[in-house]
């Protein structure tokens, strides 16, 4: 099954700020997004459902310190990106 990533206006605004603050992570960030689209279940992404007030969301890892939170709608094949940043920023 192929997945389609949806970039909302609010996510693009957050991603732009993230890229400006962390230009050294752009290659890892882009790699994570490409892999997410090809195979969201790839072990290096560490896809997992969040809990508590964020229980409707999932998270993937860009690296050990940075995450992307997302809505993962398996039935529609859609991945809606929500936030990007450090562990503390997105949770």
Protein backbone atom coordinates (compact mmCIF):
# COMPACT_ATOMS: atom_id res chain seq x y z
CA UNK A 1 0.00 0.00 0.00
CA UNK A 2 1.30 3.44 -0.85
CA UNK A 3 0.83 6.36 1.50
CA UNK A 4 0.30 10.02 0.77
CA UNK A 5 1.78 12.71 3.01
CA UNK A 6 -0.42 15.75 3.55
CA UNK A 7 1.29 19.01 4.48
CA UNK A 8 -1.09 21.38 6.26
CA UNK A 9 -0.44 25.14 6.39
CA UNK A 10 0.25 24.98 10.12
CA UNK A 11 2.73 22.13 9.65
CA UNK A 12 4.56 23.94 6.84
CA UNK A 13 4.92 26.99 9.09
CA UNK A 14 6.39 24.83 11.88
CA UNK A 15 8.65 22.98 9.42
CA UNK A 16 9.99 26.27 8.04
CA UNK A 17 10.92 27.43 11.55
CA UNK A 18 12.46 24.03 12.28
CA UNK A 19 14.59 24.18 9.11
CA UNK A 20 15.84 27.67 9.93
CA UNK A 21 16.80 26.66 13.48
CA UNK A 22 18.34 23.32 12.45
CA UNK A 23 19.86 23.52 8.94
CA UNK A 24 22.23 20.71 9.96
CA UNK A 25 19.26 18.32 10.25
CA UNK A 26 17.72 18.94 6.82
CA UNK A 27 19.19 15.82 5.22
CA UNK A 28 17.96 13.60 8.07
CA UNK A 29 14.56 15.35 8.02
CA UNK A 30 14.10 14.84 4.28
CA UNK A 31 15.24 11.22 4.54
CA UNK A 32 12.68 10.56 7.29
CA UNK A 33 9.87 12.05 5.18
CA UNK A 34 10.82 10.02 2.10
CA UNK A 35 10.99 6.83 4.13
CA UNK A 36 7.68 7.66 5.81
CA UNK A 37 5.99 7.88 2.43
CA UNK A 38 7.56 4.66 1.14
CA UNK A 39 7.27 2.55 4.28
CA UNK A 40 5.95 4.16 7.48
CA UNK A 41 6.66 0.92 9.35
CA UNK A 42 10.41 0.98 8.65
CA UNK A 43 12.23 0.27 11.95
CA UNK A 44 14.46 3.34 11.75
CA UNK A 45 11.41 5.64 11.93
CA UNK A 46 10.23 4.07 15.20
CA UNK A 47 6.58 4.80 14.41
CA UNK A 48 4.47 4.60 17.54
CA UNK A 49 1.13 5.80 18.87
CA UNK A 50 1.26 8.49 21.50
CA UNK A 51 -0.68 8.39 24.75
CA UNK A 52 -2.51 10.79 27.02
CA UNK A 53 -3.76 14.02 25.47
CA UNK A 54 -1.95 13.15 22.20
CA UNK A 55 -3.47 9.68 21.87
CA UNK A 56 -4.92 10.50 18.43
CA UNK A 57 -1.40 11.02 17.07
CA UNK A 58 1.63 8.96 16.16
CA UNK A 59 5.28 9.93 16.18
CA UNK A 60 8.35 9.10 14.11
CA UNK A 61 11.99 9.86 14.82
CA UNK A 62 14.20 12.08 12.70
CA UNK A 63 17.07 11.18 15.03
CA UNK A 64 17.50 10.49 18.73
CA UNK A 65 16.47 14.04 19.72
CA UNK A 66 13.95 15.20 17.10
CA UNK A 67 10.49 13.93 16.17
CA UNK A 68 7.63 14.45 13.78
CA UNK A 69 4.13 13.97 15.14
CA UNK A 70 1.46 12.95 12.70
CA UNK A 71 -2.03 11.64 12.14
CA UNK A 72 -1.70 8.19 10.61
CA UNK A 73 -4.89 7.18 8.80
CA UNK A 74 -4.25 3.67 7.60
CA UNK A 75 -7.67 3.15 6.02
CA UNK A 76 -7.27 6.16 3.74
CA UNK A 77 -3.56 5.79 3.13
CA UNK A 78 -3.03 9.34 4.39
CA UNK A 79 -0.34 10.67 6.67
CA UNK A 80 -1.14 14.16 7.94
CA UNK A 81 1.89 15.86 9.45
CA UNK A 82 1.16 17.82 12.63
CA UNK A 83 4.39 19.04 14.24
CA UNK A 84 8.17 18.79 14.06
CA UNK A 85 10.76 19.59 16.70
CA UNK A 86 12.60 18.26 19.72
CA UNK A 87 11.03 15.66 21.97
CA UNK A 88 9.91 18.31 24.46
CA UNK A 89 8.58 20.66 21.77
CA UNK A 90 6.27 18.17 20.06
CA UNK A 91 5.04 16.37 23.18
